[in-house]
């Protein structure tokens, strides 16, 4: 193989492996999740202050984001602490989802 063929093969193998691009995408994702969580929590607090009722659906959405991040970490690391934390967040998410569905159908908690 000549030099050009080796370079072409190397470029093909390393395609979509740009470390800076991957790091920037992770950073963008974290920022988006944090901003979405802040907005969702702010909306839930405003709903509570204005209507006097808790918006369980908004809180369930915020907790779902936390749960999905922690679940991903637990699956990747297989760490007992991460698995326990994901389990606790899951229970809290299920409780809030249950309350949101009850609220949606008009059942009083």
PDB file of N, CA and C in Angstrom:
ATOM      1  N   UNK A   1       0.837  -1.184   0.000  1.00  0.00           N
ATOM      2  CA  UNK A   1       0.000   0.000   0.000  1.00  0.00           C
ATOM      3  C   UNK A   1       0.881   1.247   0.000  1.00  0.00           C
ATOM      4  N   UNK A   2       0.429   2.215  -0.740  1.00  0.00           N
ATOM      5  CA  UNK A   2       1.179   3.459  -0.727  1.00  0.00           C
ATOM      6  C   UNK A   2       0.635   4.382   0.372  1.00  0.00           C
ATOM      7  N   UNK A   3       1.282   5.512   0.499  1.00  0.00           N
ATOM      8  CA  UNK A   3       0.963   6.445   1.583  1.00  0.00           C
ATOM      9  C   UNK A   3      -0.486   6.940   1.505  1.00  0.00           C
ATOM     10  N   UNK A   4      -0.957   7.259   0.321  1.00  0.00           N
ATOM     11  CA  UNK A   4      -2.320   7.780   0.148  1.00  0.00           C
ATOM     12  C   UNK A   4      -3.381   6.744   0.525  1.00  0.00           C
ATOM     13  N   UNK A   5      -3.154   5.496   0.172  1.00  0.00           N
ATOM     14  CA  UNK A   5      -4.107   4.440   0.528  1.00  0.00           C
ATOM     15  C   UNK A   5      -4.165   4.235   2.037  1.00  0.00           C
ATOM     16  N   UNK A   6      -3.001   4.295   2.673  1.00  0.00           N
ATOM     17  CA  UNK A   6      -2.956   4.146   4.132  1.00  0.00           C
ATOM     18  C   UNK A   6      -3.688   5.298   4.811  1.00  0.00           C
ATOM     19  N   UNK A   7      -3.442   6.519   4.338  1.00  0.00           N
ATOM     20  CA  UNK A   7      -4.124   7.685   4.911  1.00  0.00           C
ATOM     21  C   UNK A   7      -5.633   7.612   4.695  1.00  0.00           C
ATOM     22  N   UNK A   8      -6.059   7.202   3.512  1.00  0.00           N
ATOM     23  CA  UNK A   8      -7.492   7.088   3.228  1.00  0.00           C
ATOM     24  C   UNK A   8      -8.142   6.042   4.126  1.00  0.00           C
ATOM     25  N   UNK A   9      -7.464   4.924   4.317  1.00  0.00           N
ATOM     26  CA  UNK A   9      -7.994   3.873   5.186  1.00  0.00           C
ATOM     27  C   UNK A   9      -8.069   4.352   6.634  1.00  0.00           C
ATOM     28  N   UNK A  10      -7.043   5.065   7.075  1.00  0.00           N
ATOM     29  CA  UNK A  10      -7.021   5.591   8.442  1.00  0.00           C
ATOM     30  C   UNK A  10      -8.142   6.605   8.657  1.00  0.00           C
ATOM     31  N   UNK A  11      -8.347   7.485   7.685  1.00  0.00           N
ATOM     32  CA  UNK A  11      -9.436   8.471   7.793  1.00  0.00           C
ATOM     33  C   UNK A  11     -10.796   7.783   7.857  1.00  0.00           C
ATOM     34  N   UNK A  12     -10.959   6.741   7.069  1.00  0.00           N
ATOM     35  CA  UNK A  12     -12.228   6.009   7.066  1.00  0.00           C
ATOM     36  C   UNK A  12     -12.471   5.325   8.407  1.00  0.00           C
ATOM     37  N   UNK A  13     -11.423   4.743   8.998  1.00  0.00           N
ATOM     38  CA  UNK A  13     -11.569   4.059  10.284  1.00  0.00           C
ATOM     39  C   UNK A  13     -11.866   5.032  11.417  1.00  0.00           C
ATOM     40  N   UNK A  14     -11.301   6.237  11.338  1.00  0.00           N
ATOM     41  CA  UNK A  14     -11.462   7.217  12.414  1.00  0.00           C
ATOM     42  C   UNK A  14     -12.590   8.206  12.153  1.00  0.00           C
ATOM     43  N   UNK A  15     -13.398   7.937  11.158  1.00  0.00           N
ATOM     44  CA  UNK A  15     -14.519   8.812  10.844  1.00  0.00           C
ATOM     45  C   UNK A  15     -15.499   8.813  12.015  1.00  0.00           C
ATOM     46  N   UNK A  16     -16.031   9.970  12.361  1.00  0.00           N
ATOM     47  CA  UNK A  16     -16.970  10.175  13.471  1.00  0.00           C
ATOM     48  C   UNK A  16     -16.351   9.840  14.830  1.00  0.00           C
ATOM     49  N   UNK A  17     -15.053   9.933  14.955  1.00  0.00           N
ATOM     50  CA  UNK A  17     -14.392   9.689  16.234  1.00  0.00           C
ATOM     51  C   UNK A  17     -13.648  10.924  16.721  1.00  0.00           C
ATOM     52  N   UNK A  18     -14.058  12.078  16.274  1.00  0.00           N
ATOM     53  CA  UNK A  18     -13.417  13.321  16.676  1.00  0.00           C
ATOM     54  C   UNK A  18     -13.718  13.565  18.154  1.00  0.00           C
ATOM     55  N   UNK A  19     -12.688  13.515  18.981  1.00  0.00           N
ATOM     56  CA  UNK A  19     -12.853  13.629  20.430  1.00  0.00           C
ATOM     57  C   UNK A  19     -13.464  14.974  20.808  1.00  0.00           C
ATOM     58  N   UNK A  20     -13.009  16.046  20.188  1.00  0.00           N
ATOM     59  CA  UNK A  20     -13.544  17.370  20.509  1.00  0.00           C
ATOM     60  C   UNK A  20     -15.028  17.458  20.162  1.00  0.00           C
ATOM     61  N   UNK A  21     -15.413  16.892  19.039  1.00  0.00           N
ATOM     62  CA  UNK A  21     -16.824  16.908  18.624  1.00  0.00           C
ATOM     63  C   UNK A  21     -17.688  16.096  19.585  1.00  0.00           C
ATOM     64  N   UNK A  22     -17.203  14.937  19.993  1.00  0.00           N
ATOM     65  CA  UNK A  22     -17.947  14.098  20.939  1.00  0.00           C
ATOM     66  C   UNK A  22     -18.093  14.810  22.271  1.00  0.00           C
ATOM     67  N   UNK A  23     -17.018  15.447  22.746  1.00  0.00           N
ATOM     68  CA  UNK A  23     -17.054  16.171  24.016  1.00  0.00           C
ATOM     69  C   UNK A  23     -18.022  17.345  23.948  1.00  0.00           C
ATOM     70  N   UNK A  24     -18.022  18.065  22.823  1.00  0.00           N
ATOM     71  CA  UNK A  24     -18.939  19.194  22.673  1.00  0.00           C
ATOM     72  C   UNK A  24     -20.393  18.720  22.647  1.00  0.00           C
ATOM     73  N   UNK A  25     -20.650  17.603  22.000  1.00  0.00           N
ATOM     74  CA  UNK A  25     -22.013  17.060  21.957  1.00  0.00           C
ATOM     75  C   UNK A  25     -22.481  16.661  23.351  1.00  0.00           C
ATOM     76  N   UNK A  26     -21.590  16.062  24.150  1.00  0.00           N
ATOM     77  CA  UNK A  26     -21.945  15.709  25.528  1.00  0.00           C
ATOM     78  C   UNK A  26     -22.239  16.952  26.347  1.00  0.00           C
ATOM     79  N   UNK A  27     -21.412  17.971  26.177  1.00  0.00           N
ATOM     80  CA  UNK A  27     -21.608  19.223  26.905  1.00  0.00           C
ATOM     81  C   UNK A  27     -22.925  19.884  26.507  1.00  0.00           C
ATOM     82  N   UNK A  28     -23.228  19.882  25.219  1.00  0.00           N
ATOM     83  CA  UNK A  28     -24.494  20.443  24.740  1.00  0.00           C
ATOM     84  C   UNK A  28     -25.685  19.693  25.324  1.00  0.00           C
ATOM     85  N   UNK A  29     -25.582  18.385  25.387  1.00  0.00           N
ATOM     86  CA  UNK A  29     -26.672  17.573  25.930  1.00  0.00           C
ATOM     87  C   UNK A  29     -26.887  17.859  27.408  1.00  0.00           C
ATOM     88  N   UNK A  30     -25.799  17.949  28.163  1.00  0.00           N
ATOM     89  CA  UNK A  30     -25.920  18.266  29.591  1.00  0.00           C
ATOM     90  C   UNK A  30     -26.580  19.618  29.795  1.00  0.00           C
ATOM     91  N   UNK A  31     -26.150  20.617  29.022  1.00  0.00           N
ATOM     92  CA  UNK A  31     -26.721  21.953  29.141  1.00  0.00           C
ATOM     93  C   UNK A  31     -28.211  21.940  28.828  1.00  0.00           C
ATOM     94  N   UNK A  32     -28.596  21.221  27.785  1.00  0.00           N
ATOM     95  CA  UNK A  32     -30.009  21.151  27.404  1.00  0.00           C
ATOM     96  C   UNK A  32     -30.842  20.487  28.493  1.00  0.00           C
ATOM     97  N   UNK A  33     -30.326  19.421  29.074  1.00  0.00           N
ATOM     98  CA  UNK A  33     -31.064  18.721  30.133  1.00  0.00           C
ATOM     99  C   UNK A  33     -31.211  19.614  31.357  1.00  0.00           C
ATOM    100  N   UNK A  34     -30.139  20.290  31.754  1.00  0.00           N
ATOM    101  CA  UNK A  34     -30.197  21.160  32.930  1.00  0.00           C
ATOM    102  C   UNK A  34     -31.164  22.309  32.699  1.00  0.00           C
ATOM    103  N   UNK A  35     -31.109  22.932  31.541  1.00  0.00           N
ATOM    104  CA  UNK A  35     -32.011  24.041  31.240  1.00  0.00           C
ATOM    105  C   UNK A  35     -33.465  23.578  31.208  1.00  0.00           C
ATOM    106  N   UNK A  36     -33.718  22.424  30.624  1.00  0.00           N
ATOM    107  CA  UNK A  36     -35.077  21.884  30.589  1.00  0.00           C
ATOM    108  C   UNK A  36     -35.583  21.575  31.987  1.00  0.00           C
ATOM    109  N   UNK A  37     -34.721  21.016  32.827  1.00  0.00           N
ATOM    110  CA  UNK A  37     -35.124  20.720  34.206  1.00  0.00           C
ATOM    111  C   UNK A  37     -35.436  21.998  34.972  1.00  0.00           C
ATOM    112  N   UNK A  38     -34.610  23.026  34.803  1.00  0.00           N
ATOM    113  CA  UNK A  38     -34.866  24.293  35.486  1.00  0.00           C
ATOM    114  C   UNK A  38     -36.199  24.894  35.047  1.00  0.00           C
ATOM    115  N   UNK A  39     -36.458  24.876  33.745  1.00  0.00           N
ATOM    116  CA  UNK A  39     -37.719  25.412  33.248  1.00  0.00           C
ATOM    117  C   UNK A  39     -38.907  24.618  33.781  1.00  0.00           C
ATOM    118  N   UNK A  40     -38.794  23.300  33.780  1.00  0.00           N
ATOM    119  CA  UNK A  40     -39.889  22.454  34.251  1.00  0.00           C
ATOM    120  C   UNK A  40     -40.169  22.689  35.728  1.00  0.00           C
ATOM    121  N   UNK A  41     -39.117  22.781  36.524  1.00  0.00           N
ATOM    122  CA  UNK A  41     -39.307  23.040  37.961  1.00  0.00           C
ATOM    123  C   UNK A  41     -39.874  24.434  38.197  1.00  0.00           C
ATOM    124  N   UNK A  42     -39.396  25.426  37.447  1.00  0.00           N
ATOM    125  CA  UNK A  42     -39.930  26.780  37.569  1.00  0.00           C
ATOM    126  C   UNK A  42     -41.413  26.802  37.214  1.00  0.00           C
ATOM    127  N   UNK A  43     -41.782  26.091  36.164  1.00  0.00           N
ATOM    128  CA  UNK A  43     -43.185  26.013  35.766  1.00  0.00           C
ATOM    129  C   UNK A  43     -44.033  25.355  36.855  1.00  0.00           C
ATOM    130  N   UNK A  44     -43.519  24.307  37.468  1.00  0.00           N
ATOM    131  CA  UNK A  44     -44.258  23.625  38.536  1.00  0.00           C
ATOM    132  C   UNK A  44     -44.445  24.539  39.740  1.00  0.00           C
ATOM    133  N   UNK A  45     -43.410  25.289  40.099  1.00  0.00           N
ATOM    134  CA  UNK A  45     -43.515  26.209  41.239  1.00  0.00           C
ATOM    135  C   UNK A  45     -44.487  27.337  40.920  1.00  0.00           C
ATOM    136  N   UNK A  46     -44.429  27.877  39.709  1.00  0.00           N
ATOM    137  CA  UNK A  46     -45.373  28.934  39.325  1.00  0.00           C
ATOM    138  C   UNK A  46     -46.805  28.415  39.350  1.00  0.00           C
ATOM    139  N   UNK A  47     -47.017  27.199  38.885  1.00  0.00           N
ATOM    140  CA  UNK A  47     -48.349  26.603  38.923  1.00  0.00           C
ATOM    141  C   UNK A  47     -48.836  26.467  40.356  1.00  0.00           C
ATOM    142  N   UNK A  48     -47.956  26.049  41.247  1.00  0.00           N
ATOM    143  CA  UNK A  48     -48.315  25.906  42.660  1.00  0.00           C
ATOM    144  C   UNK A  48     -48.673  27.255  43.267  1.00  0.00           C
ATOM    145  N   UNK A  49     -47.886  28.277  42.975  1.00  0.00           N
ATOM    146  CA  UNK A  49     -48.138  29.596  43.548  1.00  0.00           C
ATOM    147  C   UNK A  49     -49.411  30.235  42.989  1.00  0.00           C
ATOM    148  N   UNK A  50     -49.677  30.039  41.716  1.00  0.00           N
ATOM    149  CA  UNK A  50     -50.826  30.692  41.080  1.00  0.00           C
ATOM    150  C   UNK A  50     -52.125  29.941  41.342  1.00  0.00           C
ATOM    151  N   UNK A  51     -52.121  28.631  41.189  1.00  0.00           N
ATOM    152  CA  UNK A  51     -53.364  27.863  41.320  1.00  0.00           C
ATOM    153  C   UNK A  51     -53.542  27.229  42.687  1.00  0.00           C
ATOM    154  N   UNK A  52     -52.465  27.109  43.439  1.00  0.00           N
ATOM    155  CA  UNK A  52     -52.549  26.444  44.738  1.00  0.00           C
ATOM    156  C   UNK A  52     -52.521  24.927  44.630  1.00  0.00           C
ATOM    157  N   UNK A  53     -52.322  24.395  43.430  1.00  0.00           N
ATOM    158  CA  UNK A  53     -52.258  22.944  43.217  1.00  0.00           C
ATOM    159  C   UNK A  53     -50.898  22.589  42.626  1.00  0.00           C
ATOM    160  N   UNK A  54     -50.396  21.448  43.034  1.00  0.00           N
ATOM    161  CA  UNK A  54     -49.110  20.981  42.508  1.00  0.00           C
ATOM    162  C   UNK A  54     -49.318  20.358  41.136  1.00  0.00           C
ATOM    163  N   UNK A  55     -48.440  20.680  40.201  1.00  0.00           N
ATOM    164  CA  UNK A  55     -48.473  20.090  38.869  1.00  0.00           C
ATOM    165  C   UNK A  55     -47.546  18.875  38.872  1.00  0.00           C
ATOM    166  N   UNK A  56     -48.106  17.713  39.144  1.00  0.00           N
ATOM    167  CA  UNK A  56     -47.304  16.497  39.261  1.00  0.00           C
ATOM    168  C   UNK A  56     -46.720  16.063  37.920  1.00  0.00           C
ATOM    169  N   UNK A  57     -47.385  16.390  36.838  1.00  0.00           N
ATOM    170  CA  UNK A  57     -46.876  16.023  35.517  1.00  0.00           C
ATOM    171  C   UNK A  57     -45.562  16.717  35.204  1.00  0.00           C
ATOM    172  N   UNK A  58     -45.466  17.999  35.545  1.00  0.00           N
ATOM    173  CA  UNK A  58     -44.219  18.735  35.311  1.00  0.00           C
ATOM    174  C   UNK A  58     -43.092  18.176  36.171  1.00  0.00           C
ATOM    175  N   UNK A  59     -43.404  17.865  37.420  1.00  0.00           N
ATOM    176  CA  UNK A  59     -42.381  17.288  38.295  1.00  0.00           C
ATOM    177  C   UNK A  59     -41.966  15.898  37.825  1.00  0.00           C
ATOM    178  N   UNK A  60     -42.928  15.109  37.360  1.00  0.00           N
ATOM    179  CA  UNK A  60     -42.598  13.776  36.845  1.00  0.00           C
ATOM    180  C   UNK A  60     -41.682  13.882  35.628  1.00  0.00           C
ATOM    181  N   UNK A  61     -41.897  14.901  34.802  1.00  0.00           N
ATOM    182  CA  UNK A  61     -41.038  15.112  33.640  1.00  0.00           C
ATOM    183  C   UNK A  61     -39.605  15.418  34.064  1.00  0.00           C
ATOM    184  N   UNK A  62     -39.449  16.295  35.046  1.00  0.00           N
ATOM    185  CA  UNK A  62     -38.106  16.642  35.526  1.00  0.00           C
ATOM    186  C   UNK A  62     -37.419  15.429  36.147  1.00  0.00           C
ATOM    187  N   UNK A  63     -38.148  14.673  36.954  1.00  0.00           N
ATOM    188  CA  UNK A  63     -37.564  13.499  37.601  1.00  0.00           C
ATOM    189  C   UNK A  63     -37.256  12.413  36.570  1.00  0.00           C
ATOM    190  N   UNK A  64     -38.046  12.338  35.508  1.00  0.00           N
ATOM    191  CA  UNK A  64     -37.778  11.363  34.443  1.00  0.00           C
ATOM    192  C   UNK A  64     -36.426  11.635  33.794  1.00  0.00           C
ATOM    193  N   UNK A  65     -36.089  12.915  33.620  1.00  0.00           N
ATOM    194  CA  UNK A  65     -34.781  13.250  33.056  1.00  0.00           C
ATOM    195  C   UNK A  65     -33.662  12.808  33.987  1.00  0.00           C
ATOM    196  N   UNK A  66     -33.829  13.057  35.282  1.00  0.00           N
ATOM    197  CA  UNK A  66     -32.827  12.607  36.249  1.00  0.00           C
ATOM    198  C   UNK A  66     -32.702  11.087  36.235  1.00  0.00           C
ATOM    199  N   UNK A  67     -33.843  10.418  36.201  1.00  0.00           N
ATOM    200  CA  UNK A  67     -33.847   8.956  36.206  1.00  0.00           C
ATOM    201  C   UNK A  67     -33.146   8.393  34.979  1.00  0.00           C
ATOM    202  N   UNK A  68     -33.424   8.961  33.816  1.00  0.00           N
ATOM    203  CA  UNK A  68     -32.807   8.433  32.597  1.00  0.00           C
ATOM    204  C   UNK A  68     -31.293   8.626  32.611  1.00  0.00           C
ATOM    205  N   UNK A  69     -30.825   9.766  33.119  1.00  0.00           N
ATOM    206  CA  UNK A  69     -29.376   9.976  33.208  1.00  0.00           C
ATOM    207  C   UNK A  69     -28.743   9.006  34.199  1.00  0.00           C
ATOM    208  N   UNK A  70     -29.391   8.830  35.357  1.00  0.00           N
ATOM    209  CA  UNK A  70     -28.834   7.938  36.375  1.00  0.00           C
ATOM    210  C   UNK A  70     -28.898   6.479  35.921  1.00  0.00           C
ATOM    211  N   UNK A  71     -29.959   6.111  35.226  1.00  0.00           N
ATOM    212  CA  UNK A  71     -30.075   4.748  34.710  1.00  0.00           C
ATOM    213  C   UNK A  71     -28.973   4.461  33.690  1.00  0.00           C
ATOM    214  N   UNK A  72     -28.711   5.417  32.825  1.00  0.00           N
ATOM    215  CA  UNK A  72     -27.637   5.257  31.841  1.00  0.00           C
ATOM    216  C   UNK A  72     -26.299   5.080  32.547  1.00  0.00           C
ATOM    217  N   UNK A  73     -26.054   5.896  33.571  1.00  0.00           N
ATOM    218  CA  UNK A  73     -24.805   5.787  34.326  1.00  0.00           C
ATOM    219  C   UNK A  73     -24.706   4.427  35.018  1.00  0.00           C
ATOM    220  N   UNK A  74     -25.818   3.960  35.592  1.00  0.00           N
ATOM    221  CA  UNK A  74     -25.816   2.673  36.298  1.00  0.00           C
ATOM    222  C   UNK A  74     -25.558   1.515  35.338  1.00  0.00           C
ATOM    223  N   UNK A  75     -26.140   1.583  34.147  1.00  0.00           N
ATOM    224  CA  UNK A  75     -25.935   0.521  33.161  1.00  0.00           C
ATOM    225  C   UNK A  75     -24.489   0.517  32.676  1.00  0.00           C
ATOM    226  N   UNK A  76     -23.939   1.696  32.435  1.00  0.00           N
ATOM    227  CA  UNK A  76     -22.565   1.785  31.934  1.00  0.00           C
ATOM    228  C   UNK A  76     -21.548   1.359  32.985  1.00  0.00           C
ATOM    229  N   UNK A  77     -21.704   1.854  34.233  1.00  0.00           N
ATOM    230  CA  UNK A  77     -20.693   1.611  35.268  1.00  0.00           C
ATOM    231  C   UNK A  77     -20.905   0.323  36.049  1.00  0.00           C
ATOM    232  N   UNK A  78     -22.152  -0.139  36.109  1.00  0.00           N
ATOM    233  CA  UNK A  78     -22.497  -1.324  36.907  1.00  0.00           C
ATOM    234  C   UNK A  78     -22.024  -1.175  38.357  1.00  0.00           C
ATOM    235  N   UNK A  79     -22.138   0.058  38.856  1.00  0.00           N
ATOM    236  CA  UNK A  79     -21.748   0.379  40.222  1.00  0.00           C
ATOM    237  C   UNK A  79     -22.969   0.225  41.126  1.00  0.00           C
ATOM    238  N   UNK A  80     -22.795  -0.400  42.287  1.00  0.00           N
ATOM    239  CA  UNK A  80     -23.915  -0.642  43.198  1.00  0.00           C
ATOM    240  C   UNK A  80     -24.567   0.664  43.637  1.00  0.00           C
ATOM    241  N   UNK A  81     -23.769   1.678  43.914  1.00  0.00           N
ATOM    242  CA  UNK A  81     -24.310   2.970  44.331  1.00  0.00           C
ATOM    243  C   UNK A  81     -25.154   3.619  43.251  1.00  0.00           C
ATOM    244  N   UNK A  82     -24.686   3.541  42.005  1.00  0.00           N
ATOM    245  CA  UNK A  82     -25.445   4.105  40.892  1.00  0.00           C
ATOM    246  C   UNK A  82     -26.750   3.349  40.671  1.00  0.00           C
ATOM    247  N   UNK A  83     -26.710   2.037  40.823  1.00  0.00           N
ATOM    248  CA  UNK A  83     -27.919   1.222  40.660  1.00  0.00           C
ATOM    249  C   UNK A  83     -28.928   1.550  41.755  1.00  0.00           C
ATOM    250  N   UNK A  84     -28.459   1.696  42.985  1.00  0.00           N
ATOM    251  CA  UNK A  84     -29.341   2.047  44.100  1.00  0.00           C
ATOM    252  C   UNK A  84     -29.955   3.426  43.894  1.00  0.00           C
ATOM    253  N   UNK A  85     -29.136   4.374  43.484  1.00  0.00           N
ATOM    254  CA  UNK A  85     -29.631   5.729  43.238  1.00  0.00           C
ATOM    255  C   UNK A  85     -30.667   5.731  42.112  1.00  0.00           C
ATOM    256  N   UNK A  86     -30.414   4.996  41.040  1.00  0.00           N
ATOM    257  CA  UNK A  86     -31.371   4.906  39.936  1.00  0.00           C
ATOM    258  C   UNK A  86     -32.672   4.267  40.402  1.00  0.00           C
ATOM    259  N   UNK A  87     -32.590   3.282  41.288  1.00  0.00           N
ATOM    260  CA  UNK A  87     -33.793   2.624  41.804  1.00  0.00           C
ATOM    261  C   UNK A  87     -34.637   3.582  42.636  1.00  0.00           C
ATOM    262  N   UNK A  88     -33.987   4.371  43.483  1.00  0.00           N
ATOM    263  CA  UNK A  88     -34.714   5.334  44.320  1.00  0.00           C
ATOM    264  C   UNK A  88     -35.369   6.407  43.456  1.00  0.00           C
ATOM    265  N   UNK A  89     -34.631   6.916  42.475  1.00  0.00           N
ATOM    266  CA  UNK A  89     -35.196   7.926  41.576  1.00  0.00           C
ATOM    267  C   UNK A  89     -36.351   7.328  40.782  1.00  0.00           C
ATOM    268  N   UNK A  90     -36.241   6.063  40.391  1.00  0.00           N
ATOM    269  CA  UNK A  90     -37.315   5.385  39.660  1.00  0.00           C
ATOM    270  C   UNK A  90     -38.587   5.312  40.502  1.00  0.00           C
ATOM    271  N   UNK A  91     -38.434   4.963  41.767  1.00  0.00           N
ATOM    272  CA  UNK A  91     -39.608   4.899  42.651  1.00  0.00           C
ATOM    273  C   UNK A  91     -40.267   6.265  42.786  1.00  0.00           C
ATOM    274  N   UNK A  92     -39.458   7.297  42.942  1.00  0.00           N
ATOM    275  CA  UNK A  92     -39.996   8.655  43.050  1.00  0.00           C
ATOM    276  C   UNK A  92     -40.681   9.069  41.750  1.00  0.00           C
ATOM    277  N   UNK A  93     -40.076   8.717  40.613  1.00  0.00           N
ATOM    278  CA  UNK A  93     -40.678   9.011  39.315  1.00  0.00           C
ATOM    279  C   UNK A  93     -42.020   8.301  39.157  1.00  0.00           C
ATOM    280  N   UNK A  94     -42.077   7.027  39.548  1.00  0.00           N
ATOM    281  CA  UNK A  94     -43.334   6.279  39.444  1.00  0.00           C
ATOM    282  C   UNK A  94     -44.412   6.873  40.344  1.00  0.00           C
ATOM    283  N   UNK A  95     -44.030   7.315  41.538  1.00  0.00           N
ATOM    284  CA  UNK A  95     -44.988   7.956  42.441  1.00  0.00           C
ATOM    285  C   UNK A  95     -45.541   9.239  41.827  1.00  0.00           C
ATOM    286  N   UNK A  96     -44.662  10.075  41.289  1.00  0.00           N
ATOM    287  CA  UNK A  96     -45.119  11.321  40.670  1.00  0.00           C
ATOM    288  C   UNK A  96     -45.967  11.054  39.430  1.00  0.00           C
ATOM    289  N   UNK A  97     -45.613  10.033  38.662  1.00  0.00           N
ATOM    290  CA  UNK A  97     -46.408   9.680  37.488  1.00  0.00           C
ATOM    291  C   UNK A  97     -47.796   9.212  37.903  1.00  0.00           C
ATOM    292  N   UNK A  98     -47.861   8.405  38.952  1.00  0.00           N
ATOM    293  CA  UNK A  98     -49.145   7.946  39.482  1.00  0.00           C
ATOM    294  C   UNK A  98     -49.998   9.142  39.909  1.00  0.00           C
ATOM    295  N   UNK A  99     -49.379  10.085  40.613  1.00  0.00           N
ATOM    296  CA  UNK A  99     -50.111  11.274  41.061  1.00  0.00           C
ATOM    297  C   UNK A  99     -50.563  12.118  39.866  1.00  0.00           C
ATOM    298  N   UNK A 100     -49.730  12.215  38.832  1.00  0.00           N
ATOM    299  CA  UNK A 100     -50.093  12.994  37.648  1.00  0.00           C
ATOM    300  C   UNK A 100     -51.275  12.365  36.919  1.00  0.00           C
ATOM    301  N   UNK A 101     -51.292  11.037  36.820  1.00  0.00           N
ATOM    302  CA  UNK A 101     -52.405  10.354  36.150  1.00  0.00           C
ATOM    303  C   UNK A 101     -53.681  10.515  36.964  1.00  0.00           C
ATOM    304  N   UNK A 102     -53.576  10.398  38.279  1.00  0.00           N
ATOM    305  CA  UNK A 102     -54.751  10.615  39.135  1.00  0.00           C
ATOM    306  C   UNK A 102     -55.287  12.032  38.959  1.00  0.00           C
ATOM    307  N   UNK A 103     -54.380  12.996  38.920  1.00  0.00           N
ATOM    308  CA  UNK A 103     -54.769  14.392  38.739  1.00  0.00           C
ATOM    309  C   UNK A 103     -55.409  14.602  37.368  1.00  0.00           C
ATOM    310  N   UNK A 104     -54.865  13.947  36.365  1.00  0.00           N
ATOM    311  CA  UNK A 104     -55.368  14.082  35.002  1.00  0.00           C
ATOM    312  C   UNK A 104     -56.811  13.600  34.891  1.00  0.00           C
ATOM    313  N   UNK A 105     -57.124  12.488  35.564  1.00  0.00           N
ATOM    314  CA  UNK A 105     -58.467  11.933  35.498  1.00  0.00           C
ATOM    315  C   UNK A 105     -59.393  12.473  36.578  1.00  0.00           C
ATOM    316  N   UNK A 106     -58.909  13.410  37.375  1.00  0.00           N
ATOM    317  CA  UNK A 106     -59.765  14.079  38.343  1.00  0.00           C
ATOM    318  C   UNK A 106     -59.924  13.386  39.675  1.00  0.00           C
ATOM    319  N   UNK A 107     -59.130  12.373  39.956  1.00  0.00           N
ATOM    320  CA  UNK A 107     -59.194  11.722  41.260  1.00  0.00           C
ATOM    321  C   UNK A 107     -58.409  12.547  42.264  1.00  0.00           C
ATOM    322  N   UNK A 108     -58.963  12.728  43.439  1.00  0.00           N
ATOM    323  CA  UNK A 108     -58.284  13.499  44.476  1.00  0.00           C
ATOM    324  C   UNK A 108     -57.291  12.610  45.211  1.00  0.00           C
ATOM    325  N   UNK A 109     -56.046  13.076  45.341  1.00  0.00           N
ATOM    326  CA  UNK A 109     -55.058  12.260  46.066  1.00  0.00           C
ATOM    327  C   UNK A 109     -55.294  12.239  47.560  1.00  0.00           C
TER     328      UNK A 109
END
